[in-house]
Amino acid sequence: VQLVESGGGLVEPGGSLTLSCVGSGFAFSAYAMYWYRQAPGQNREYIASIVSDSSYLEVDDSVKGRFTISRDNAKNTLYLQMNNVKPEDTAMYYCNRDAYWGQGTQVTVAS
């Protein structure tokens, strides 16, 4: 199992960013997938989840209305669309499936 995130970077407050996570080594379309984030000195926290066929998705209250989770099973890819970002969104973002984690992609929100 391999999960590889990308799309992070420096973005100004109020800006947008789309994170991607490509899964390999398993039947991507059969699994629910998750996004987490970890800010410096903080615990890793849950952001969003989506079931295998995208029929149900959930976003944590901390980012509701700003972040959207989606997936493209044909491309084995999970997405996190981040809109109206805030400085407190600065963190390493990880995708997750069960006990498996990617290496993370850094998002920094600053002017």
PDB file of N, CA and C in Angstrom:
ATOM      1  N   VAL A   1       0.843  -1.192   0.000  1.00  0.00           N
ATOM      2  CA  VAL A   1       0.000   0.000   0.000  1.00  0.00           C
ATOM      3  C   VAL A   1       0.877   1.239   0.000  1.00  0.00           C
ATOM      4  N   GLN A   2       0.576   2.141  -0.910  1.00  0.00           N
ATOM      5  CA  GLN A   2       1.315   3.405  -0.956  1.00  0.00           C
ATOM      6  C   GLN A   2       0.323   4.540  -1.188  1.00  0.00           C
ATOM      7  N   LEU A   3       0.512   5.607  -0.408  1.00  0.00           N
ATOM      8  CA  LEU A   3      -0.290   6.811  -0.539  1.00  0.00           C
ATOM      9  C   LEU A   3       0.657   7.980  -0.726  1.00  0.00           C
ATOM     10  N   VAL A   4       0.466   8.741  -1.793  1.00  0.00           N
ATOM     11  CA  VAL A   4       1.377   9.840  -2.094  1.00  0.00           C
ATOM     12  C   VAL A   4       0.575  11.123  -2.270  1.00  0.00           C
ATOM     13  N   GLU A   5       0.786  12.053  -1.332  1.00  0.00           N
ATOM     14  CA  GLU A   5       0.098  13.345  -1.382  1.00  0.00           C
ATOM     15  C   GLU A   5       0.908  14.342  -2.190  1.00  0.00           C
ATOM     16  N   SER A   6       0.201  15.309  -2.742  1.00  0.00           N
ATOM     17  CA  SER A   6       0.843  16.412  -3.455  1.00  0.00           C
ATOM     18  C   SER A   6      -0.118  17.601  -3.473  1.00  0.00           C
ATOM     19  N   GLY A   7       0.408  18.743  -3.918  1.00  0.00           N
ATOM     20  CA  GLY A   7      -0.423  19.919  -4.081  1.00  0.00           C
ATOM     21  C   GLY A   7      -0.282  20.971  -3.002  1.00  0.00           C
ATOM     22  N   GLY A   8       0.482  20.680  -1.966  1.00  0.00           N
ATOM     23  CA  GLY A   8       0.683  21.664  -0.923  1.00  0.00           C
ATOM     24  C   GLY A   8       1.551  22.820  -1.388  1.00  0.00           C
ATOM     25  N   GLY A   9       1.647  23.831  -0.538  1.00  0.00           N
ATOM     26  CA  GLY A   9       2.467  24.978  -0.860  1.00  0.00           C
ATOM     27  C   GLY A   9       2.096  26.177  -0.012  1.00  0.00           C
ATOM     28  N   LEU A  10       2.584  27.323  -0.426  1.00  0.00           N
ATOM     29  CA  LEU A  10       2.308  28.583   0.256  1.00  0.00           C
ATOM     30  C   LEU A  10       1.122  29.261  -0.424  1.00  0.00           C
ATOM     31  N   VAL A  11       0.134  29.641   0.346  1.00  0.00           N
ATOM     32  CA  VAL A  11      -1.052  30.304  -0.199  1.00  0.00           C
ATOM     33  C   VAL A  11      -1.440  31.437   0.732  1.00  0.00           C
ATOM     34  N   GLU A  12      -1.956  32.496   0.165  1.00  0.00           N
ATOM     35  CA  GLU A  12      -2.361  33.650   0.967  1.00  0.00           C
ATOM     36  C   GLU A  12      -3.719  33.396   1.623  1.00  0.00           C
ATOM     37  N   PRO A  13      -3.961  34.029   2.739  1.00  0.00           N
ATOM     38  CA  PRO A  13      -5.285  33.911   3.364  1.00  0.00           C
ATOM     39  C   PRO A  13      -6.392  34.267   2.381  1.00  0.00           C
ATOM     40  N   GLY A  14      -7.437  33.469   2.394  1.00  0.00           N
ATOM     41  CA  GLY A  14      -8.535  33.670   1.451  1.00  0.00           C
ATOM     42  C   GLY A  14      -8.351  32.957   0.132  1.00  0.00           C
ATOM     43  N   GLY A  15      -7.191  32.400  -0.076  1.00  0.00           N
ATOM     44  CA  GLY A  15      -6.895  31.711  -1.322  1.00  0.00           C
ATOM     45  C   GLY A  15      -7.397  30.272  -1.337  1.00  0.00           C
ATOM     46  N   SER A  16      -7.064  29.577  -2.417  1.00  0.00           N
ATOM     47  CA  SER A  16      -7.517  28.195  -2.608  1.00  0.00           C
ATOM     48  C   SER A  16      -6.349  27.294  -2.970  1.00  0.00           C
ATOM     49  N   LEU A  17      -6.537  26.023  -2.673  1.00  0.00           N
ATOM     50  CA  LEU A  17      -5.516  25.026  -2.950  1.00  0.00           C
ATOM     51  C   LEU A  17      -6.222  23.678  -3.085  1.00  0.00           C
ATOM     52  N   THR A  18      -5.737  22.835  -3.974  1.00  0.00           N
ATOM     53  CA  THR A  18      -6.278  21.480  -4.099  1.00  0.00           C
ATOM     54  C   THR A  18      -5.181  20.463  -3.818  1.00  0.00           C
ATOM     55  N   LEU A  19      -5.411  19.639  -2.838  1.00  0.00           N
ATOM     56  CA  LEU A  19      -4.484  18.561  -2.516  1.00  0.00           C
ATOM     57  C   LEU A  19      -4.932  17.279  -3.207  1.00  0.00           C
ATOM     58  N   SER A  20      -3.958  16.459  -3.580  1.00  0.00           N
ATOM     59  CA  SER A  20      -4.239  15.171  -4.193  1.00  0.00           C
ATOM     60  C   SER A  20      -3.522  14.076  -3.434  1.00  0.00           C
ATOM     61  N   CYS A  21      -4.083  12.890  -3.497  1.00  0.00           N
ATOM     62  CA  CYS A  21      -3.454  11.712  -2.898  1.00  0.00           C
ATOM     63  C   CYS A  21      -3.683  10.540  -3.842  1.00  0.00           C
ATOM     64  N   VAL A  22      -2.600  10.007  -4.364  1.00  0.00           N
ATOM     65  CA  VAL A  22      -2.695   8.857  -5.260  1.00  0.00           C
ATOM     66  C   VAL A  22      -2.419   7.590  -4.463  1.00  0.00           C
ATOM     67  N   GLY A  23      -3.334   6.646  -4.544  1.00  0.00           N
ATOM     68  CA  GLY A  23      -3.167   5.371  -3.864  1.00  0.00           C
ATOM     69  C   GLY A  23      -2.748   4.288  -4.831  1.00  0.00           C
ATOM     70  N   SER A  24      -1.883   3.397  -4.377  1.00  0.00           N
ATOM     71  CA  SER A  24      -1.446   2.273  -5.197  1.00  0.00           C
ATOM     72  C   SER A  24      -1.186   1.067  -4.305  1.00  0.00           C
ATOM     73  N   GLY A  25      -1.170  -0.100  -4.940  1.00  0.00           N
ATOM     74  CA  GLY A  25      -0.908  -1.319  -4.192  1.00  0.00           C
ATOM     75  C   GLY A  25      -2.125  -1.911  -3.523  1.00  0.00           C
ATOM     76  N   PHE A  26      -3.267  -1.348  -3.795  1.00  0.00           N
ATOM     77  CA  PHE A  26      -4.516  -1.887  -3.247  1.00  0.00           C
ATOM     78  C   PHE A  26      -5.675  -1.458  -4.148  1.00  0.00           C
ATOM     79  N   ALA A  27      -6.841  -2.060  -3.913  1.00  0.00           N
ATOM     80  CA  ALA A  27      -8.027  -1.734  -4.702  1.00  0.00           C
ATOM     81  C   ALA A  27      -8.630  -0.441  -4.178  1.00  0.00           C
ATOM     82  N   PHE A  28      -8.119   0.666  -4.692  1.00  0.00           N
ATOM     83  CA  PHE A  28      -8.492   2.005  -4.209  1.00  0.00           C
ATOM     84  C   PHE A  28     -10.000   2.188  -4.135  1.00  0.00           C
ATOM     85  N   SER A  29     -10.714   1.721  -5.154  1.00  0.00           N
ATOM     86  CA  SER A  29     -12.151   1.962  -5.240  1.00  0.00           C
ATOM     87  C   SER A  29     -12.956   1.210  -4.187  1.00  0.00           C
ATOM     88  N   ALA A  30     -12.318   0.321  -3.450  1.00  0.00           N
ATOM     89  CA  ALA A  30     -13.037  -0.494  -2.464  1.00  0.00           C
ATOM     90  C   ALA A  30     -12.975   0.075  -1.052  1.00  0.00           C
ATOM     91  N   TYR A  31     -12.235   1.150  -0.861  1.00  0.00           N
ATOM     92  CA  TYR A  31     -11.977   1.638   0.488  1.00  0.00           C
ATOM     93  C   TYR A  31     -12.443   3.069   0.718  1.00  0.00           C
ATOM     94  N   ALA A  32     -12.940   3.300   1.933  1.00  0.00           N
ATOM     95  CA  ALA A  32     -13.130   4.668   2.373  1.00  0.00           C
ATOM     96  C   ALA A  32     -11.763   5.316   2.563  1.00  0.00           C
ATOM     97  N   MET A  33     -11.705   6.614   2.331  1.00  0.00           N
ATOM     98  CA  MET A  33     -10.442   7.334   2.449  1.00  0.00           C
ATOM     99  C   MET A  33     -10.638   8.559   3.331  1.00  0.00           C
ATOM    100  N   TYR A  34      -9.538   9.015   3.910  1.00  0.00           N
ATOM    101  CA  TYR A  34      -9.595  10.070   4.905  1.00  0.00           C
ATOM    102  C   TYR A  34      -8.490  11.107   4.677  1.00  0.00           C
ATOM    103  N   TRP A  35      -8.766  12.339   5.094  1.00  0.00           N
ATOM    104  CA  TRP A  35      -7.747  13.383   5.193  1.00  0.00           C
ATOM    105  C   TRP A  35      -7.600  13.780   6.662  1.00  0.00           C
ATOM    106  N   TYR A  36      -6.344  13.951   7.067  1.00  0.00           N
ATOM    107  CA  TYR A  36      -5.991  14.454   8.383  1.00  0.00           C
ATOM    108  C   TYR A  36      -4.990  15.582   8.202  1.00  0.00           C
ATOM    109  N   ARG A  37      -4.776  16.338   9.273  1.00  0.00           N
ATOM    110  CA  ARG A  37      -3.724  17.348   9.261  1.00  0.00           C
ATOM    111  C   ARG A  37      -3.078  17.436  10.630  1.00  0.00           C
ATOM    112  N   GLN A  38      -1.851  17.925  10.631  1.00  0.00           N
ATOM    113  CA  GLN A  38      -1.114  18.098  11.884  1.00  0.00           C
ATOM    114  C   GLN A  38      -0.329  19.387  11.827  1.00  0.00           C
ATOM    115  N   ALA A  39      -0.685  20.287  12.717  1.00  0.00           N
ATOM    116  CA  ALA A  39       0.036  21.553  12.840  1.00  0.00           C
ATOM    117  C   ALA A  39       1.204  21.366  13.792  1.00  0.00           C
ATOM    118  N   PRO A  40       2.229  22.213  13.694  1.00  0.00           N
ATOM    119  CA  PRO A  40       3.379  22.093  14.597  1.00  0.00           C
ATOM    120  C   PRO A  40       2.963  22.118  16.058  1.00  0.00           C
ATOM    121  N   GLY A  41       3.426  21.147  16.816  1.00  0.00           N
ATOM    122  CA  GLY A  41       3.117  21.091  18.236  1.00  0.00           C
ATOM    123  C   GLY A  41       1.720  20.622  18.574  1.00  0.00           C
ATOM    124  N   GLN A  42       0.979  20.209  17.556  1.00  0.00           N
ATOM    125  CA  GLN A  42      -0.398  19.763  17.775  1.00  0.00           C
ATOM    126  C   GLN A  42      -0.552  18.282  17.419  1.00  0.00           C
ATOM    127  N   ASN A  43      -1.632  17.694  17.922  1.00  0.00           N
ATOM    128  CA  ASN A  43      -1.955  16.328  17.534  1.00  0.00           C
ATOM    129  C   ASN A  43      -2.512  16.296  16.115  1.00  0.00           C
ATOM    130  N   ARG A  44      -2.389  15.134  15.488  1.00  0.00           N
ATOM    131  CA  ARG A  44      -2.983  14.953  14.168  1.00  0.00           C
ATOM    132  C   ARG A  44      -4.495  14.983  14.328  1.00  0.00           C
ATOM    133  N   GLU A  45      -5.179  15.713  13.454  1.00  0.00           N
ATOM    134  CA  GLU A  45      -6.627  15.836  13.579  1.00  0.00           C
ATOM    135  C   GLU A  45      -7.333  15.451  12.290  1.00  0.00           C
ATOM    136  N   TYR A  46      -8.503  14.895  12.456  1.00  0.00           N
ATOM    137  CA  TYR A  46      -9.347  14.462  11.345  1.00  0.00           C
ATOM    138  C   TYR A  46      -9.928  15.672  10.609  1.00  0.00           C
ATOM    139  N   ILE A  47      -9.932  15.587   9.285  1.00  0.00           N
ATOM    140  CA  ILE A  47     -10.487  16.663   8.473  1.00  0.00           C
ATOM    141  C   ILE A  47     -11.725  16.214   7.723  1.00  0.00           C
ATOM    142  N   ALA A  48     -11.617  15.095   7.004  1.00  0.00           N
ATOM    143  CA  ALA A  48     -12.723  14.702   6.133  1.00  0.00           C
ATOM    144  C   ALA A  48     -12.596  13.231   5.764  1.00  0.00           C
ATOM    145  N   SER A  49     -13.731  12.664   5.329  1.00  0.00           N
ATOM    146  CA  SER A  49     -13.739  11.278   4.885  1.00  0.00           C
ATOM    147  C   SER A  49     -14.743  11.112   3.758  1.00  0.00           C
ATOM    148  N   ILE A  50     -14.536  10.041   2.981  1.00  0.00           N
ATOM    149  CA  ILE A  50     -15.422   9.751   1.856  1.00  0.00           C
ATOM    150  C   ILE A  50     -15.469   8.239   1.684  1.00  0.00           C
ATOM    151  N   VAL A  51     -16.667   7.702   1.486  1.00  0.00           N
ATOM    152  CA  VAL A  51     -16.789   6.259   1.312  1.00  0.00           C
ATOM    153  C   VAL A  51     -16.359   5.860  -0.101  1.00  0.00           C
ATOM    154  N   SER A  52     -16.295   4.561  -0.334  1.00  0.00           N
ATOM    155  CA  SER A  52     -15.677   4.053  -1.555  1.00  0.00           C
ATOM    156  C   SER A  52     -16.325   4.566  -2.839  1.00  0.00           C
ATOM    157  N   ASP A  53     -17.658   4.679  -2.837  1.00  0.00           N
ATOM    158  CA  ASP A  53     -18.352   5.092  -4.071  1.00  0.00           C
ATOM    159  C   ASP A  53     -18.797   6.549  -4.036  1.00  0.00           C
ATOM    160  N   SER A  54     -18.263   7.314  -3.098  1.00  0.00           N
ATOM    161  CA  SER A  54     -18.570   8.743  -2.939  1.00  0.00           C
ATOM    162  C   SER A  54     -20.022   9.024  -2.555  1.00  0.00           C
ATOM    163  N   SER A  55     -20.761   8.011  -2.134  1.00  0.00           N
ATOM    164  CA  SER A  55     -22.166   8.224  -1.806  1.00  0.00           C
ATOM    165  C   SER A  55     -22.360   8.924  -0.464  1.00  0.00           C
ATOM    166  N   TYR A  56     -21.312   8.900   0.337  1.00  0.00           N
ATOM    167  CA  TYR A  56     -21.374   9.614   1.617  1.00  0.00           C
ATOM    168  C   TYR A  56     -20.029  10.244   1.897  1.00  0.00           C
ATOM    169  N   LEU A  57     -20.049  11.488   2.297  1.00  0.00           N
ATOM    170  CA  LEU A  57     -18.819  12.154   2.675  1.00  0.00           C
ATOM    171  C   LEU A  57     -19.097  13.037   3.876  1.00  0.00           C
ATOM    172  N   GLU A  58     -18.030  13.306   4.581  1.00  0.00           N
ATOM    173  CA  GLU A  58     -18.129  14.040   5.843  1.00  0.00           C
ATOM    174  C   GLU A  58     -16.967  14.998   5.948  1.00  0.00           C
ATOM    175  N   VAL A  59     -17.224  16.164   6.480  1.00  0.00           N
ATOM    176  CA  VAL A  59     -16.182  17.169   6.681  1.00  0.00           C
ATOM    177  C   VAL A  59     -16.291  17.686   8.110  1.00  0.00           C
ATOM    178  N   ASP A  60     -15.169  17.792   8.778  1.00  0.00           N
ATOM    179  CA  ASP A  60     -15.170  18.262  10.159  1.00  0.00           C
ATOM    180  C   ASP A  60     -15.702  19.685  10.242  1.00  0.00           C
ATOM    181  N   ASP A  61     -16.322  19.985  11.364  1.00  0.00           N
ATOM    182  CA  ASP A  61     -16.898  21.317  11.560  1.00  0.00           C
ATOM    183  C   ASP A  61     -15.864  22.428  11.419  1.00  0.00           C
ATOM    184  N   SER A  62     -14.611  22.124  11.736  1.00  0.00           N
ATOM    185  CA  SER A  62     -13.566  23.152  11.695  1.00  0.00           C
ATOM    186  C   SER A  62     -13.313  23.674  10.286  1.00  0.00           C
ATOM    187  N   VAL A  63     -13.683  22.907   9.279  1.00  0.00           N
ATOM    188  CA  VAL A  63     -13.437  23.308   7.890  1.00  0.00           C
ATOM    189  C   VAL A  63     -14.694  23.254   7.035  1.00  0.00           C
ATOM    190  N   LYS A  64     -15.820  22.959   7.654  1.00  0.00           N
ATOM    191  CA  LYS A  64     -17.067  22.839   6.903  1.00  0.00           C
ATOM    192  C   LYS A  64     -17.404  24.145   6.197  1.00  0.00           C
ATOM    193  N   GLY A  65     -17.825  24.026   4.957  1.00  0.00           N
ATOM    194  CA  GLY A  65     -18.144  25.202   4.162  1.00  0.00           C
ATOM    195  C   GLY A  65     -16.947  25.768   3.416  1.00  0.00           C
ATOM    196  N   ARG A  66     -15.740  25.282   3.750  1.00  0.00           N
ATOM    197  CA  ARG A  66     -14.529  25.770   3.080  1.00  0.00           C
ATOM    198  C   ARG A  66     -13.790  24.650   2.359  1.00  0.00           C
ATOM    199  N   PHE A  67     -13.784  23.461   2.936  1.00  0.00           N
ATOM    200  CA  PHE A  67     -13.053  22.323   2.355  1.00  0.00           C
ATOM    201  C   PHE A  67     -14.045  21.307   1.797  1.00  0.00           C
ATOM    202  N   THR A  68     -13.668  20.673   0.698  1.00  0.00           N
ATOM    203  CA  THR A  68     -14.484  19.631   0.071  1.00  0.00           C
ATOM    204  C   THR A  68     -13.624  18.422  -0.232  1.00  0.00           C
ATOM    205  N   ILE A  69     -14.097  17.254   0.120  1.00  0.00           N
ATOM    206  CA  ILE A  69     -13.393  16.010  -0.193  1.00  0.00           C
ATOM    207  C   ILE A  69     -14.069  15.357  -1.384  1.00  0.00           C
ATOM    208  N   SER A  70     -13.265  14.771  -2.254  1.00  0.00           N
ATOM    209  CA  SER A  70     -13.797  14.045  -3.402  1.00  0.00           C
ATOM    210  C   SER A  70     -12.786  12.989  -3.821  1.00  0.00           C
ATOM    211  N   ARG A  71     -13.189  12.144  -4.758  1.00  0.00           N
ATOM    212  CA  ARG A  71     -12.286  11.109  -5.243  1.00  0.00           C
ATOM    213  C   ARG A  71     -12.618  10.773  -6.685  1.00  0.00           C
ATOM    214  N   ASP A  72     -11.611  10.257  -7.364  1.00  0.00           N
ATOM    215  CA  ASP A  72     -11.772   9.752  -8.723  1.00  0.00           C
ATOM    216  C   ASP A  72     -11.205   8.339  -8.724  1.00  0.00           C
ATOM    217  N   ASN A  73     -12.085   7.368  -8.643  1.00  0.00           N
ATOM    218  CA  ASN A  73     -11.626   5.981  -8.550  1.00  0.00           C
ATOM    219  C   ASN A  73     -10.944   5.513  -9.822  1.00  0.00           C
ATOM    220  N   ALA A  74     -11.292   6.089 -10.955  1.00  0.00           N
ATOM    221  CA  ALA A  74     -10.628   5.719 -12.209  1.00  0.00           C
ATOM    222  C   ALA A  74      -9.161   6.126 -12.199  1.00  0.00           C
ATOM    223  N   LYS A  75      -8.849   7.162 -11.404  1.00  0.00           N
ATOM    224  CA  LYS A  75      -7.473   7.646 -11.309  1.00  0.00           C
ATOM    225  C   LYS A  75      -6.811   7.277  -9.982  1.00  0.00           C
ATOM    226  N   ASN A  76      -7.519   6.490  -9.158  1.00  0.00           N
ATOM    227  CA  ASN A  76      -6.986   6.103  -7.836  1.00  0.00           C
ATOM    228  C   ASN A  76      -6.549   7.330  -7.037  1.00  0.00           C
ATOM    229  N   THR A  77      -7.335   8.382  -7.108  1.00  0.00           N
ATOM    230  CA  THR A  77      -6.924   9.648  -6.516  1.00  0.00           C
ATOM    231  C   THR A  77      -7.995  10.221  -5.597  1.00  0.00           C
ATOM    232  N   LEU A  78      -7.533  10.680  -4.458  1.00  0.00           N
ATOM    233  CA  LEU A  78      -8.344  11.376  -3.463  1.00  0.00           C
ATOM    234  C   LEU A  78      -7.978  12.861  -3.511  1.00  0.00           C
ATOM    235  N   TYR A  79      -8.980  13.728  -3.341  1.00  0.00           N
ATOM    236  CA  TYR A  79      -8.743  15.168  -3.406  1.00  0.00           C
ATOM    237  C   TYR A  79      -9.249  15.872  -2.149  1.00  0.00           C
ATOM    238  N   LEU A  80      -8.635  17.012  -1.869  1.00  0.00           N
ATOM    239  CA  LEU A  80      -9.151  17.916  -0.854  1.00  0.00           C
ATOM    240  C   LEU A  80      -9.094  19.320  -1.444  1.00  0.00           C
ATOM    241  N   GLN A  81     -10.253  19.869  -1.759  1.00  0.00           N
ATOM    242  CA  GLN A  81     -10.343  21.229  -2.256  1.00  0.00           C
ATOM    243  C   GLN A  81     -10.453  22.163  -1.057  1.00  0.00           C
ATOM    244  N   MET A  82      -9.506  23.079  -0.962  1.00  0.00           N
ATOM    245  CA  MET A  82      -9.443  23.997   0.164  1.00  0.00           C
ATOM    246  C   MET A  82      -9.719  25.408  -0.335  1.00  0.00           C
ATOM    247  N   ASN A  83     -10.786  26.013   0.127  1.00  0.00           N
ATOM    248  CA  ASN A  83     -11.147  27.375  -0.268  1.00  0.00           C
ATOM    249  C   ASN A  83     -11.133  28.292   0.952  1.00  0.00           C
ATOM    250  N   ASN A  84     -10.964  29.574   0.688  1.00  0.00           N
ATOM    251  CA  ASN A  84     -10.974  30.574   1.768  1.00  0.00           C
ATOM    252  C   ASN A  84     -10.088  30.122   2.929  1.00  0.00           C
ATOM    253  N   VAL A  85      -8.857  29.772   2.616  1.00  0.00           N
ATOM    254  CA  VAL A  85      -7.964  29.243   3.647  1.00  0.00           C
ATOM    255  C   VAL A  85      -7.600  30.326   4.658  1.00  0.00           C
ATOM    256  N   LYS A  86      -7.276  29.869   5.866  1.00  0.00           N
ATOM    257  CA  LYS A  86      -6.938  30.763   6.972  1.00  0.00           C
ATOM    258  C   LYS A  86      -5.561  30.378   7.518  1.00  0.00           C
ATOM    259  N   PRO A  87      -4.898  31.283   8.205  1.00  0.00           N
ATOM    260  CA  PRO A  87      -3.587  30.943   8.779  1.00  0.00           C
ATOM    261  C   PRO A  87      -3.638  29.693   9.661  1.00  0.00           C
ATOM    262  N   GLU A  88      -4.749  29.471  10.334  1.00  0.00           N
ATOM    263  CA  GLU A  88      -4.862  28.287  11.195  1.00  0.00           C
ATOM    264  C   GLU A  88      -4.993  26.983  10.410  1.00  0.00           C
ATOM    265  N   ASP A  89      -5.102  27.065   9.087  1.00  0.00           N
ATOM    266  CA  ASP A  89      -5.086  25.863   8.260  1.00  0.00           C
ATOM    267  C   ASP A  89      -3.664  25.395   7.961  1.00  0.00           C
ATOM    268  N   THR A  90      -2.683  26.167   8.374  1.00  0.00           N
ATOM    269  CA  THR A  90      -1.283  25.782   8.177  1.00  0.00           C
ATOM    270  C   THR A  90      -0.993  24.487   8.907  1.00  0.00           C
ATOM    271  N   ALA A  91      -0.548  23.479   8.160  1.00  0.00           N
ATOM    272  CA  ALA A  91      -0.306  22.152   8.735  1.00  0.00           C
ATOM    273  C   ALA A  91       0.256  21.245   7.659  1.00  0.00           C
ATOM    274  N   MET A  92       0.725  20.077   8.102  1.00  0.00           N
ATOM    275  CA  MET A  92       1.029  18.984   7.174  1.00  0.00           C
ATOM    276  C   MET A  92      -0.265  18.213   6.972  1.00  0.00           C
ATOM    277  N   TYR A  93      -0.602  17.969   5.737  1.00  0.00           N
ATOM    278  CA  TYR A  93      -1.849  17.271   5.415  1.00  0.00           C
ATOM    279  C   TYR A  93      -1.532  15.848   4.937  1.00  0.00           C
ATOM    280  N   TYR A  94      -2.287  14.896   5.489  1.00  0.00           N
ATOM    281  CA  TYR A  94      -2.048  13.484   5.208  1.00  0.00           C
ATOM    282  C   TYR A  94      -3.320  12.815   4.698  1.00  0.00           C
ATOM    283  N   CYS A  95      -3.167  11.900   3.748  1.00  0.00           N
ATOM    284  CA  CYS A  95      -4.287  11.027   3.439  1.00  0.00           C
ATOM    285  C   CYS A  95      -4.071   9.694   4.155  1.00  0.00           C
ATOM    286  N   ASN A  96      -5.161   9.005   4.328  1.00  0.00           N
ATOM    287  CA  ASN A  96      -5.138   7.820   5.180  1.00  0.00           C
ATOM    288  C   ASN A  96      -6.121   6.774   4.703  1.00  0.00           C
ATOM    289  N   ARG A  97      -5.690   5.543   4.826  1.00  0.00           N
ATOM    290  CA  ARG A  97      -6.569   4.391   4.656  1.00  0.00           C
ATOM    291  C   ARG A  97      -6.210   3.381   5.727  1.00  0.00           C
ATOM    292  N   ASP A  98      -7.116   3.178   6.654  1.00  0.00           N
ATOM    293  CA  ASP A  98      -6.878   2.255   7.765  1.00  0.00           C
ATOM    294  C   ASP A  98      -5.569   2.616   8.473  1.00  0.00           C
ATOM    295  N   ALA A  99      -4.620   1.700   8.526  1.00  0.00           N
ATOM    296  CA  ALA A  99      -3.370   1.952   9.242  1.00  0.00           C
ATOM    297  C   ALA A  99      -2.304   2.572   8.356  1.00  0.00           C
ATOM    298  N   TYR A 100      -2.658   2.908   7.115  1.00  0.00           N
ATOM    299  CA  TYR A 100      -1.676   3.405   6.161  1.00  0.00           C
ATOM    300  C   TYR A 100      -1.763   4.923   6.002  1.00  0.00           C
ATOM    301  N   TRP A 101      -0.571   5.535   5.960  1.00  0.00           N
ATOM    302  CA  TRP A 101      -0.475   6.994   5.850  1.00  0.00           C
ATOM    303  C   TRP A 101       0.479   7.353   4.728  1.00  0.00           C
ATOM    304  N   GLY A 102       0.194   8.492   4.068  1.00  0.00           N
ATOM    305  CA  GLY A 102       1.162   9.035   3.147  1.00  0.00           C
ATOM    306  C   GLY A 102       2.234   9.800   3.897  1.00  0.00           C
ATOM    307  N   GLN A 103       3.144  10.406   3.128  1.00  0.00           N
ATOM    308  CA  GLN A 103       4.243  11.155   3.740  1.00  0.00           C
ATOM    309  C   GLN A 103       3.828  12.571   4.099  1.00  0.00           C
ATOM    310  N   GLY A 104       2.686  12.989   3.562  1.00  0.00           N
ATOM    311  CA  GLY A 104       2.165  14.314   3.870  1.00  0.00           C
ATOM    312  C   GLY A 104       2.573  15.365   2.858  1.00  0.00           C
ATOM    313  N   THR A 105       1.802  16.427   2.798  1.00  0.00           N
ATOM    314  CA  THR A 105       2.129  17.581   1.976  1.00  0.00           C
ATOM    315  C   THR A 105       1.881  18.831   2.809  1.00  0.00           C
ATOM    316  N   GLN A 106       2.836  19.736   2.813  1.00  0.00           N
ATOM    317  CA  GLN A 106       2.796  20.907   3.689  1.00  0.00           C
ATOM    318  C   GLN A 106       1.961  22.021   3.066  1.00  0.00           C
ATOM    319  N   VAL A 107       1.054  22.553   3.849  1.00  0.00           N
ATOM    320  CA  VAL A 107       0.273  23.728   3.466  1.00  0.00           C
ATOM    321  C   VAL A 107       0.599  24.846   4.432  1.00  0.00           C
ATOM    322  N   THR A 108       1.020  25.974   3.887  1.00  0.00           N
ATOM    323  CA  THR A 108       1.320  27.147   4.695  1.00  0.00           C
ATOM    324  C   THR A 108       0.466  28.309   4.209  1.00  0.00           C
ATOM    325  N   VAL A 109      -0.306  28.876   5.117  1.00  0.00           N
ATOM    326  CA  VAL A 109      -1.177  30.000   4.782  1.00  0.00           C
ATOM    327  C   VAL A 109      -0.594  31.249   5.407  1.00  0.00           C
ATOM    328  N   ALA A 110      -0.118  32.155   4.574  1.00  0.00           N
ATOM    329  CA  ALA A 110       0.523  33.376   5.060  1.00  0.00           C
ATOM    330  C   ALA A 110       0.504  34.409   3.956  1.00  0.00           C
ATOM    331  N   SER A 111       0.508  35.680   4.377  1.00  0.00           N
ATOM    332  CA  SER A 111       0.515  36.760   3.381  1.00  0.00           C
ATOM    333  C   SER A 111       1.932  37.230   3.132  1.00  0.00           C
TER     334      SER A 111
END
